[in-house]
Amino acid sequence: MISLWMWPFAGGLVGIVNGLTRWTTISYLSSEAVTRSLVLVVGGMVVRLGFVAGLLIAGLKQGIAAGLLAFAGLWITRWIIVVWSNVRQNRQDQRPARQAAN
């Protein structure tokens, strides 16, 4: 039996894996290879859903508190990734554009 306080960390780990698979999927999308892109999106979604469902099922088998703590870890990690991604994008937008050499 996993300690009750380990469930938020397990949720966070699944959240990080979830974010990395999304990032990988988006980086491989291509308008020329529509079928491949569709397979990547749907396949990645199934993998992410499987990880989240497995985490929540395992947590809820230990009790409602473990399930809620696992969900909280997943949810908090997801929002940290969203905020981090937004801050990172804003920093890139604020960099001065390189001028073409004449």
PDB file of N, CA and C in Angstrom:
ATOM      1  N   MET A   1       0.842  -1.186   0.000  1.00  0.00           N
ATOM      2  CA  MET A   1       0.000   0.000   0.000  1.00  0.00           C
ATOM      3  C   MET A   1       0.886   1.249   0.000  1.00  0.00           C
ATOM      4  N   ILE A   2       0.595   2.147  -0.884  1.00  0.00           N
ATOM      5  CA  ILE A   2       1.364   3.385  -1.012  1.00  0.00           C
ATOM      6  C   ILE A   2       0.892   4.370   0.059  1.00  0.00           C
ATOM      7  N   SER A   3       1.850   5.080   0.653  1.00  0.00           N
ATOM      8  CA  SER A   3       1.524   6.099   1.644  1.00  0.00           C
ATOM      9  C   SER A   3       0.612   7.146   1.009  1.00  0.00           C
ATOM     10  N   LEU A   4      -0.265   7.681   1.816  1.00  0.00           N
ATOM     11  CA  LEU A   4      -1.252   8.643   1.325  1.00  0.00           C
ATOM     12  C   LEU A   4      -0.595   9.860   0.687  1.00  0.00           C
ATOM     13  N   TRP A   5       0.553  10.271   1.208  1.00  0.00           N
ATOM     14  CA  TRP A   5       1.205  11.479   0.696  1.00  0.00           C
ATOM     15  C   TRP A   5       2.011  11.241  -0.573  1.00  0.00           C
ATOM     16  N   MET A   6       2.112   9.994  -0.995  1.00  0.00           N
ATOM     17  CA  MET A   6       2.809   9.711  -2.252  1.00  0.00           C
ATOM     18  C   MET A   6       1.887   9.886  -3.465  1.00  0.00           C
ATOM     19  N   TRP A   7       0.596   9.892  -3.253  1.00  0.00           N
ATOM     20  CA  TRP A   7      -0.339   9.994  -4.372  1.00  0.00           C
ATOM     21  C   TRP A   7      -0.253  11.322  -5.123  1.00  0.00           C
ATOM     22  N   PRO A   8      -0.074  12.476  -4.443  1.00  0.00           N
ATOM     23  CA  PRO A   8       0.102  13.703  -5.231  1.00  0.00           C
ATOM     24  C   PRO A   8       1.353  13.664  -6.105  1.00  0.00           C
ATOM     25  N   PHE A   9       2.412  13.025  -5.608  1.00  0.00           N
ATOM     26  CA  PHE A   9       3.627  12.907  -6.413  1.00  0.00           C
ATOM     27  C   PHE A   9       3.407  11.968  -7.601  1.00  0.00           C
ATOM     28  N   ALA A  10       2.656  10.899  -7.374  1.00  0.00           N
ATOM     29  CA  ALA A  10       2.320  10.002  -8.487  1.00  0.00           C
ATOM     30  C   ALA A  10       1.478  10.748  -9.519  1.00  0.00           C
ATOM     31  N   GLY A  11       0.536  11.563  -9.052  1.00  0.00           N
ATOM     32  CA  GLY A  11      -0.265  12.379  -9.963  1.00  0.00           C
ATOM     33  C   GLY A  11       0.581  13.380 -10.713  1.00  0.00           C
ATOM     34  N   GLY A  12       1.548  13.969 -10.017  1.00  0.00           N
ATOM     35  CA  GLY A  12       2.453  14.908 -10.672  1.00  0.00           C
ATOM     36  C   GLY A  12       3.309  14.243 -11.730  1.00  0.00           C
ATOM     37  N   LEU A  13       3.767  13.036 -11.431  1.00  0.00           N
ATOM     38  CA  LEU A  13       4.568  12.285 -12.403  1.00  0.00           C
ATOM     39  C   LEU A  13       3.747  11.968 -13.652  1.00  0.00           C
ATOM     40  N   VAL A  14       2.518  11.531 -13.456  1.00  0.00           N
ATOM     41  CA  VAL A  14       1.645  11.265 -14.603  1.00  0.00           C
ATOM     42  C   VAL A  14       1.353  12.567 -15.351  1.00  0.00           C
ATOM     43  N   GLY A  15       1.214  13.667 -14.633  1.00  0.00           N
ATOM     44  CA  GLY A  15       0.998  14.960 -15.275  1.00  0.00           C
ATOM     45  C   GLY A  15       2.182  15.376 -16.137  1.00  0.00           C
ATOM     46  N   ILE A  16       3.380  15.116 -15.658  1.00  0.00           N
ATOM     47  CA  ILE A  16       4.583  15.445 -16.445  1.00  0.00           C
ATOM     48  C   ILE A  16       4.656  14.580 -17.693  1.00  0.00           C
ATOM     49  N   VAL A  17       4.394  13.289 -17.540  1.00  0.00           N
ATOM     50  CA  VAL A  17       4.379  12.394 -18.707  1.00  0.00           C
ATOM     51  C   VAL A  17       3.300  12.836 -19.690  1.00  0.00           C
ATOM     52  N   ASN A  18       2.157  13.233 -19.159  1.00  0.00           N
ATOM     53  CA  ASN A  18       1.057  13.715 -19.988  1.00  0.00           C
ATOM     54  C   ASN A  18       1.493  14.945 -20.786  1.00  0.00           C
ATOM     55  N   GLY A  19       2.135  15.895 -20.121  1.00  0.00           N
ATOM     56  CA  GLY A  19       2.601  17.101 -20.802  1.00  0.00           C
ATOM     57  C   GLY A  19       3.664  16.811 -21.844  1.00  0.00           C
ATOM     58  N   LEU A  20       4.584  15.910 -21.518  1.00  0.00           N
ATOM     59  CA  LEU A  20       5.635  15.568 -22.480  1.00  0.00           C
ATOM     60  C   LEU A  20       5.072  14.879 -23.718  1.00  0.00           C
ATOM     61  N   THR A  21       4.088  13.998 -23.536  1.00  0.00           N
ATOM     62  CA  THR A  21       3.507  13.341 -24.709  1.00  0.00           C
ATOM     63  C   THR A  21       2.724  14.331 -25.561  1.00  0.00           C
ATOM     64  N   ARG A  22       2.086  15.306 -24.936  1.00  0.00           N
ATOM     65  CA  ARG A  22       1.400  16.348 -25.721  1.00  0.00           C
ATOM     66  C   ARG A  22       2.410  17.163 -26.514  1.00  0.00           C
ATOM     67  N   TRP A  23       3.493  17.560 -25.857  1.00  0.00           N
ATOM     68  CA  TRP A  23       4.514  18.357 -26.523  1.00  0.00           C
ATOM     69  C   TRP A  23       5.118  17.581 -27.696  1.00  0.00           C
ATOM     70  N   THR A  24       5.391  16.304 -27.483  1.00  0.00           N
ATOM     71  CA  THR A  24       5.956  15.469 -28.539  1.00  0.00           C
ATOM     72  C   THR A  24       4.979  15.334 -29.702  1.00  0.00           C
ATOM     73  N   THR A  25       3.718  15.111 -29.397  1.00  0.00           N
ATOM     74  CA  THR A  25       2.706  14.989 -30.442  1.00  0.00           C
ATOM     75  C   THR A  25       2.623  16.264 -31.268  1.00  0.00           C
ATOM     76  N   ILE A  26       2.586  17.406 -30.604  1.00  0.00           N
ATOM     77  CA  ILE A  26       2.468  18.678 -31.316  1.00  0.00           C
ATOM     78  C   ILE A  26       3.705  18.946 -32.162  1.00  0.00           C
ATOM     79  N   SER A  27       4.875  18.581 -31.662  1.00  0.00           N
ATOM     80  CA  SER A  27       6.099  18.854 -32.422  1.00  0.00           C
ATOM     81  C   SER A  27       6.205  18.001 -33.685  1.00  0.00           C
ATOM     82  N   TYR A  28       5.503  16.869 -33.733  1.00  0.00           N
ATOM     83  CA  TYR A  28       5.564  16.001 -34.909  1.00  0.00           C
ATOM     84  C   TYR A  28       4.403  16.199 -35.880  1.00  0.00           C
ATOM     85  N   LEU A  29       3.498  17.116 -35.603  1.00  0.00           N
ATOM     86  CA  LEU A  29       2.380  17.344 -36.521  1.00  0.00           C
ATOM     87  C   LEU A  29       2.869  17.951 -37.818  1.00  0.00           C
ATOM     88  N   SER A  30       2.242  17.543 -38.904  1.00  0.00           N
ATOM     89  CA  SER A  30       2.631  18.033 -40.218  1.00  0.00           C
ATOM     90  C   SER A  30       1.391  18.146 -41.088  1.00  0.00           C
ATOM     91  N   SER A  31       1.294  19.242 -41.835  1.00  0.00           N
ATOM     92  CA  SER A  31       0.148  19.412 -42.726  1.00  0.00           C
ATOM     93  C   SER A  31       0.275  18.539 -43.976  1.00  0.00           C
ATOM     94  N   GLU A  32       1.492  18.089 -44.296  1.00  0.00           N
ATOM     95  CA  GLU A  32       1.680  17.226 -45.456  1.00  0.00           C
ATOM     96  C   GLU A  32       1.281  15.782 -45.161  1.00  0.00           C
ATOM     97  N   ALA A  33       1.436  15.346 -43.931  1.00  0.00           N
ATOM     98  CA  ALA A  33       1.137  13.963 -43.551  1.00  0.00           C
ATOM     99  C   ALA A  33      -0.064  13.959 -42.605  1.00  0.00           C
ATOM    100  N   VAL A  34      -1.245  14.149 -43.177  1.00  0.00           N
ATOM    101  CA  VAL A  34      -2.457  14.272 -42.373  1.00  0.00           C
ATOM    102  C   VAL A  34      -2.771  12.964 -41.643  1.00  0.00           C
ATOM    103  N   THR A  35      -2.644  11.846 -42.335  1.00  0.00           N
ATOM    104  CA  THR A  35      -2.971  10.557 -41.715  1.00  0.00           C
ATOM    105  C   THR A  35      -2.024  10.274 -40.558  1.00  0.00           C
ATOM    106  N   ARG A  36      -0.737  10.517 -40.749  1.00  0.00           N
ATOM    107  CA  ARG A  36       0.240  10.300 -39.684  1.00  0.00           C
ATOM    108  C   ARG A  36      -0.044  11.214 -38.496  1.00  0.00           C
ATOM    109  N   SER A  37      -0.401  12.456 -38.776  1.00  0.00           N
ATOM    110  CA  SER A  37      -0.715  13.399 -37.709  1.00  0.00           C
ATOM    111  C   SER A  37      -1.942  12.960 -36.933  1.00  0.00           C
ATOM    112  N   LEU A  38      -2.945  12.467 -37.640  1.00  0.00           N
ATOM    113  CA  LEU A  38      -4.158  11.998 -36.977  1.00  0.00           C
ATOM    114  C   LEU A  38      -3.864  10.789 -36.088  1.00  0.00           C
ATOM    115  N   VAL A  39      -3.050   9.875 -36.581  1.00  0.00           N
ATOM    116  CA  VAL A  39      -2.673   8.701 -35.783  1.00  0.00           C
ATOM    117  C   VAL A  39      -1.902   9.132 -34.534  1.00  0.00           C
ATOM    118  N   LEU A  40      -1.003  10.111 -34.677  1.00  0.00           N
ATOM    119  CA  LEU A  40      -0.256  10.609 -33.520  1.00  0.00           C
ATOM    120  C   LEU A  40      -1.177  11.245 -32.480  1.00  0.00           C
ATOM    121  N   VAL A  41      -2.126  12.047 -32.935  1.00  0.00           N
ATOM    122  CA  VAL A  41      -3.031  12.731 -32.011  1.00  0.00           C
ATOM    123  C   VAL A  41      -3.920  11.728 -31.289  1.00  0.00           C
ATOM    124  N   VAL A  42      -4.545  10.842 -32.027  1.00  0.00           N
ATOM    125  CA  VAL A  42      -5.453   9.866 -31.415  1.00  0.00           C
ATOM    126  C   VAL A  42      -4.672   8.864 -30.555  1.00  0.00           C
ATOM    127  N   GLY A  43      -3.547   8.396 -31.061  1.00  0.00           N
ATOM    128  CA  GLY A  43      -2.736   7.454 -30.289  1.00  0.00           C
ATOM    129  C   GLY A  43      -2.205   8.071 -29.010  1.00  0.00           C
ATOM    130  N   GLY A  44      -1.740   9.308 -29.093  1.00  0.00           N
ATOM    131  CA  GLY A  44      -1.265  10.007 -27.901  1.00  0.00           C
ATOM    132  C   GLY A  44      -2.375  10.229 -26.891  1.00  0.00           C
ATOM    133  N   MET A  45      -3.569  10.546 -27.388  1.00  0.00           N
ATOM    134  CA  MET A  45      -4.702  10.751 -26.497  1.00  0.00           C
ATOM    135  C   MET A  45      -5.050   9.458 -25.759  1.00  0.00           C
ATOM    136  N   VAL A  46      -5.016   8.342 -26.470  1.00  0.00           N
ATOM    137  CA  VAL A  46      -5.326   7.054 -25.845  1.00  0.00           C
ATOM    138  C   VAL A  46      -4.289   6.719 -24.776  1.00  0.00           C
ATOM    139  N   VAL A  47      -3.015   6.968 -25.065  1.00  0.00           N
ATOM    140  CA  VAL A  47      -1.954   6.697 -24.089  1.00  0.00           C
ATOM    141  C   VAL A  47      -2.130   7.583 -22.861  1.00  0.00           C
ATOM    142  N   ARG A  48      -2.361   8.885 -23.077  1.00  0.00           N
ATOM    143  CA  ARG A  48      -2.549   9.804 -21.949  1.00  0.00           C
ATOM    144  C   ARG A  48      -3.765   9.422 -21.127  1.00  0.00           C
ATOM    145  N   LEU A  49      -4.855   9.089 -21.783  1.00  0.00           N
ATOM    146  CA  LEU A  49      -6.064   8.694 -21.074  1.00  0.00           C
ATOM    147  C   LEU A  49      -5.825   7.411 -20.277  1.00  0.00           C
ATOM    148  N   GLY A  50      -5.054   6.486 -20.845  1.00  0.00           N
ATOM    149  CA  GLY A  50      -4.735   5.257 -20.133  1.00  0.00           C
ATOM    150  C   GLY A  50      -3.919   5.516 -18.877  1.00  0.00           C
ATOM    151  N   PHE A  51      -2.920   6.410 -18.964  1.00  0.00           N
ATOM    152  CA  PHE A  51      -2.125   6.751 -17.788  1.00  0.00           C
ATOM    153  C   PHE A  51      -2.977   7.391 -16.697  1.00  0.00           C
ATOM    154  N   VAL A  52      -3.814   8.338 -17.087  1.00  0.00           N
ATOM    155  CA  VAL A  52      -4.651   9.035 -16.105  1.00  0.00           C
ATOM    156  C   VAL A  52      -5.662   8.071 -15.496  1.00  0.00           C
ATOM    157  N   ALA A  53      -6.302   7.270 -16.324  1.00  0.00           N
ATOM    158  CA  ALA A  53      -7.280   6.311 -15.804  1.00  0.00           C
ATOM    159  C   ALA A  53      -6.613   5.304 -14.877  1.00  0.00           C
ATOM    160  N   GLY A  54      -5.429   4.821 -15.247  1.00  0.00           N
ATOM    161  CA  GLY A  54      -4.710   3.880 -14.392  1.00  0.00           C
ATOM    162  C   GLY A  54      -4.365   4.494 -13.047  1.00  0.00           C
ATOM    163  N   LEU A  55      -3.906   5.737 -13.070  1.00  0.00           N
ATOM    164  CA  LEU A  55      -3.579   6.423 -11.823  1.00  0.00           C
ATOM    165  C   LEU A  55      -4.807   6.572 -10.937  1.00  0.00           C
ATOM    166  N   LEU A  56      -5.892   7.043 -11.520  1.00  0.00           N
ATOM    167  CA  LEU A  56      -7.096   7.279 -10.715  1.00  0.00           C
ATOM    168  C   LEU A  56      -7.707   5.971 -10.225  1.00  0.00           C
ATOM    169  N   ILE A  57      -7.686   4.949 -11.030  1.00  0.00           N
ATOM    170  CA  ILE A  57      -8.208   3.652 -10.583  1.00  0.00           C
ATOM    171  C   ILE A  57      -7.363   3.118  -9.434  1.00  0.00           C
ATOM    172  N   ALA A  58      -6.036   3.183  -9.585  1.00  0.00           N
ATOM    173  CA  ALA A  58      -5.160   2.705  -8.509  1.00  0.00           C
ATOM    174  C   ALA A  58      -5.362   3.522  -7.238  1.00  0.00           C
ATOM    175  N   GLY A  59      -5.490   4.833  -7.389  1.00  0.00           N
ATOM    176  CA  GLY A  59      -5.710   5.676  -6.219  1.00  0.00           C
ATOM    177  C   GLY A  59      -7.031   5.398  -5.537  1.00  0.00           C
ATOM    178  N   LEU A  60      -8.073   5.253  -6.317  1.00  0.00           N
ATOM    179  CA  LEU A  60      -9.392   5.013  -5.731  1.00  0.00           C
ATOM    180  C   LEU A  60      -9.506   3.631  -5.111  1.00  0.00           C
ATOM    181  N   LYS A  61      -8.699   2.682  -5.562  1.00  0.00           N
ATOM    182  CA  LYS A  61      -8.686   1.372  -4.903  1.00  0.00           C
ATOM    183  C   LYS A  61      -8.112   1.472  -3.493  1.00  0.00           C
ATOM    184  N   GLN A  62      -7.251   2.475  -3.263  1.00  0.00           N
ATOM    185  CA  GLN A  62      -6.685   2.687  -1.933  1.00  0.00           C
ATOM    186  C   GLN A  62      -7.623   3.493  -1.044  1.00  0.00           C
ATOM    187  N   GLY A  63      -8.561   4.195  -1.641  1.00  0.00           N
ATOM    188  CA  GLY A  63      -9.509   4.999  -0.867  1.00  0.00           C
ATOM    189  C   GLY A  63      -9.793   6.310  -1.562  1.00  0.00           C
ATOM    190  N   ILE A  64     -10.834   6.980  -1.108  1.00  0.00           N
ATOM    191  CA  ILE A  64     -11.239   8.235  -1.740  1.00  0.00           C
ATOM    192  C   ILE A  64     -10.177   9.323  -1.547  1.00  0.00           C
ATOM    193  N   ALA A  65      -9.525   9.347  -0.384  1.00  0.00           N
ATOM    194  CA  ALA A  65      -8.494  10.362  -0.137  1.00  0.00           C
ATOM    195  C   ALA A  65      -7.319  10.175  -1.093  1.00  0.00           C
ATOM    196  N   ALA A  66      -6.889   8.942  -1.298  1.00  0.00           N
ATOM    197  CA  ALA A  66      -5.772   8.688  -2.215  1.00  0.00           C
ATOM    198  C   ALA A  66      -6.152   9.073  -3.639  1.00  0.00           C
ATOM    199  N   GLY A  67      -7.372   8.757  -4.051  1.00  0.00           N
ATOM    200  CA  GLY A  67      -7.824   9.118  -5.387  1.00  0.00           C
ATOM    201  C   GLY A  67      -7.883  10.624  -5.585  1.00  0.00           C
ATOM    202  N   LEU A  68      -8.376  11.339  -4.579  1.00  0.00           N
ATOM    203  CA  LEU A  68      -8.456  12.794  -4.681  1.00  0.00           C
ATOM    204  C   LEU A  68      -7.071  13.438  -4.657  1.00  0.00           C
ATOM    205  N   LEU A  69      -6.165  12.897  -3.850  1.00  0.00           N
ATOM    206  CA  LEU A  69      -4.805  13.430  -3.825  1.00  0.00           C
ATOM    207  C   LEU A  69      -4.078  13.166  -5.143  1.00  0.00           C
ATOM    208  N   ALA A  70      -4.303  12.013  -5.750  1.00  0.00           N
ATOM    209  CA  ALA A  70      -3.709  11.724  -7.055  1.00  0.00           C
ATOM    210  C   ALA A  70      -4.253  12.683  -8.101  1.00  0.00           C
ATOM    211  N   PHE A  71      -5.553  12.916  -8.071  1.00  0.00           N
ATOM    212  CA  PHE A  71      -6.165  13.869  -9.003  1.00  0.00           C
ATOM    213  C   PHE A  71      -5.625  15.275  -8.769  1.00  0.00           C
ATOM    214  N   ALA A  72      -5.464  15.667  -7.508  1.00  0.00           N
ATOM    215  CA  ALA A  72      -4.933  16.998  -7.200  1.00  0.00           C
ATOM    216  C   ALA A  72      -3.513  17.152  -7.735  1.00  0.00           C
ATOM    217  N   GLY A  73      -2.673  16.129  -7.562  1.00  0.00           N
ATOM    218  CA  GLY A  73      -1.317  16.194  -8.102  1.00  0.00           C
ATOM    219  C   GLY A  73      -1.313  16.328  -9.616  1.00  0.00           C
ATOM    220  N   LEU A  74      -2.185  15.586 -10.265  1.00  0.00           N
ATOM    221  CA  LEU A  74      -2.312  15.653 -11.722  1.00  0.00           C
ATOM    222  C   LEU A  74      -2.781  17.036 -12.163  1.00  0.00           C
ATOM    223  N   TRP A  75      -3.784  17.550 -11.489  1.00  0.00           N
ATOM    224  CA  TRP A  75      -4.381  18.836 -11.840  1.00  0.00           C
ATOM    225  C   TRP A  75      -3.396  19.980 -11.611  1.00  0.00           C
ATOM    226  N   ILE A  76      -2.710  19.974 -10.472  1.00  0.00           N
ATOM    227  CA  ILE A  76      -1.749  21.039 -10.168  1.00  0.00           C
ATOM    228  C   ILE A  76      -0.588  21.004 -11.159  1.00  0.00           C
ATOM    229  N   THR A  77      -0.091  19.834 -11.465  1.00  0.00           N
ATOM    230  CA  THR A  77       1.002  19.721 -12.431  1.00  0.00           C
ATOM    231  C   THR A  77       0.573  20.223 -13.800  1.00  0.00           C
ATOM    232  N   ARG A  78      -0.647  19.908 -14.178  1.00  0.00           N
ATOM    233  CA  ARG A  78      -1.153  20.380 -15.477  1.00  0.00           C
ATOM    234  C   ARG A  78      -1.159  21.905 -15.530  1.00  0.00           C
ATOM    235  N   TRP A  79      -1.612  22.545 -14.473  1.00  0.00           N
ATOM    236  CA  TRP A  79      -1.646  24.010 -14.467  1.00  0.00           C
ATOM    237  C   TRP A  79      -0.255  24.612 -14.398  1.00  0.00           C
ATOM    238  N   ILE A  80       0.660  23.961 -13.702  1.00  0.00           N
ATOM    239  CA  ILE A  80       2.041  24.443 -13.680  1.00  0.00           C
ATOM    240  C   ILE A  80       2.635  24.396 -15.087  1.00  0.00           C
ATOM    241  N   ILE A  81       2.357  23.324 -15.823  1.00  0.00           N
ATOM    242  CA  ILE A  81       2.850  23.208 -17.202  1.00  0.00           C
ATOM    243  C   ILE A  81       2.235  24.285 -18.087  1.00  0.00           C
ATOM    244  N   VAL A  82       0.946  24.570 -17.920  1.00  0.00           N
ATOM    245  CA  VAL A  82       0.275  25.604 -18.720  1.00  0.00           C
ATOM    246  C   VAL A  82       0.888  26.971 -18.432  1.00  0.00           C
ATOM    247  N   VAL A  83       1.080  27.304 -17.163  1.00  0.00           N
ATOM    248  CA  VAL A  83       1.651  28.605 -16.799  1.00  0.00           C
ATOM    249  C   VAL A  83       3.095  28.696 -17.286  1.00  0.00           C
ATOM    250  N   TRP A  84       3.881  27.633 -17.077  1.00  0.00           N
ATOM    251  CA  TRP A  84       5.279  27.628 -17.521  1.00  0.00           C
ATOM    252  C   TRP A  84       5.364  27.816 -19.031  1.00  0.00           C
ATOM    253  N   SER A  85       4.504  27.135 -19.770  1.00  0.00           N
ATOM    254  CA  SER A  85       4.506  27.245 -21.224  1.00  0.00           C
ATOM    255  C   SER A  85       4.151  28.666 -21.660  1.00  0.00           C
ATOM    256  N   ASN A  86       3.194  29.275 -20.980  1.00  0.00           N
ATOM    257  CA  ASN A  86       2.799  30.635 -21.317  1.00  0.00           C
ATOM    258  C   ASN A  86       3.913  31.629 -21.008  1.00  0.00           C
ATOM    259  N   VAL A  87       4.565  31.491 -19.859  1.00  0.00           N
ATOM    260  CA  VAL A  87       5.676  32.380 -19.505  1.00  0.00           C
ATOM    261  C   VAL A  87       6.811  32.215 -20.496  1.00  0.00           C
ATOM    262  N   ARG A  88       7.105  30.974 -20.848  1.00  0.00           N
ATOM    263  CA  ARG A  88       8.182  30.698 -21.809  1.00  0.00           C
ATOM    264  C   ARG A  88       7.870  31.324 -23.166  1.00  0.00           C
ATOM    265  N   GLN A  89       6.624  31.217 -23.612  1.00  0.00           N
ATOM    266  CA  GLN A  89       6.231  31.793 -24.899  1.00  0.00           C
ATOM    267  C   GLN A  89       6.311  33.312 -24.852  1.00  0.00           C
ATOM    268  N   ASN A  90       5.909  33.922 -23.735  1.00  0.00           N
ATOM    269  CA  ASN A  90       5.982  35.377 -23.616  1.00  0.00           C
ATOM    270  C   ASN A  90       7.428  35.858 -23.634  1.00  0.00           C
ATOM    271  N   ARG A  91       8.339  35.104 -23.026  1.00  0.00           N
ATOM    272  CA  ARG A  91       9.749  35.488 -23.058  1.00  0.00           C
ATOM    273  C   ARG A  91      10.299  35.422 -24.473  1.00  0.00           C
ATOM    274  N   GLN A  92       9.881  34.421 -25.239  1.00  0.00           N
ATOM    275  CA  GLN A  92      10.345  34.308 -26.625  1.00  0.00           C
ATOM    276  C   GLN A  92       9.780  35.430 -27.478  1.00  0.00           C
ATOM    277  N   ASP A  93       8.548  35.839 -27.200  1.00  0.00           N
ATOM    278  CA  ASP A  93       7.935  36.924 -27.963  1.00  0.00           C
ATOM    279  C   ASP A  93       8.595  38.265 -27.674  1.00  0.00           C
ATOM    280  N   GLN A  94       9.170  38.422 -26.483  1.00  0.00           N
ATOM    281  CA  GLN A  94       9.776  39.697 -26.110  1.00  0.00           C
ATOM    282  C   GLN A  94      11.207  39.843 -26.599  1.00  0.00           C
ATOM    283  N   ARG A  95      11.808  38.782 -27.080  1.00  0.00           N
ATOM    284  CA  ARG A  95      13.170  38.872 -27.603  1.00  0.00           C
ATOM    285  C   ARG A  95      13.170  39.716 -28.869  1.00  0.00           C
ATOM    286  N   PRO A  96      14.191  40.560 -29.025  1.00  0.00           N
ATOM    287  CA  PRO A  96      14.240  41.367 -30.259  1.00  0.00           C
ATOM    288  C   PRO A  96      14.471  40.478 -31.476  1.00  0.00           C
ATOM    289  N   ALA A  97      13.749  40.787 -32.521  1.00  0.00           N
ATOM    290  CA  ALA A  97      13.892  40.010 -33.761  1.00  0.00           C
ATOM    291  C   ALA A  97      15.237  40.328 -34.406  1.00  0.00           C
ATOM    292  N   ARG A  98      15.850  39.287 -34.925  1.00  0.00           N
ATOM    293  CA  ARG A  98      17.122  39.488 -35.624  1.00  0.00           C
ATOM    294  C   ARG A  98      16.854  40.148 -36.972  1.00  0.00           C
ATOM    295  N   GLN A  99      17.647  41.139 -37.253  1.00  0.00           N
ATOM    296  CA  GLN A  99      17.488  41.818 -38.533  1.00  0.00           C
ATOM    297  C   GLN A  99      18.357  41.121 -39.564  1.00  0.00           C
ATOM    298  N   ALA A 100      17.858  41.091 -40.778  1.00  0.00           N
ATOM    299  CA  ALA A 100      18.610  40.455 -41.857  1.00  0.00           C
ATOM    300  C   ALA A 100      19.843  41.294 -42.176  1.00  0.00           C
ATOM    301  N   ALA A 101      20.946  40.597 -42.405  1.00  0.00           N
ATOM    302  CA  ALA A 101      22.201  41.309 -42.741  1.00  0.00           C
ATOM    303  C   ALA A 101      22.092  41.859 -44.143  1.00  0.00           C
ATOM    304  N   ASN A 102      22.527  43.108 -44.292  1.00  0.00           N
ATOM    305  CA  ASN A 102      22.450  43.758 -45.610  1.00  0.00           C
ATOM    306  C   ASN A 102      23.687  43.538 -46.389  1.00  0.00           C
TER     307      ASN A 102
END
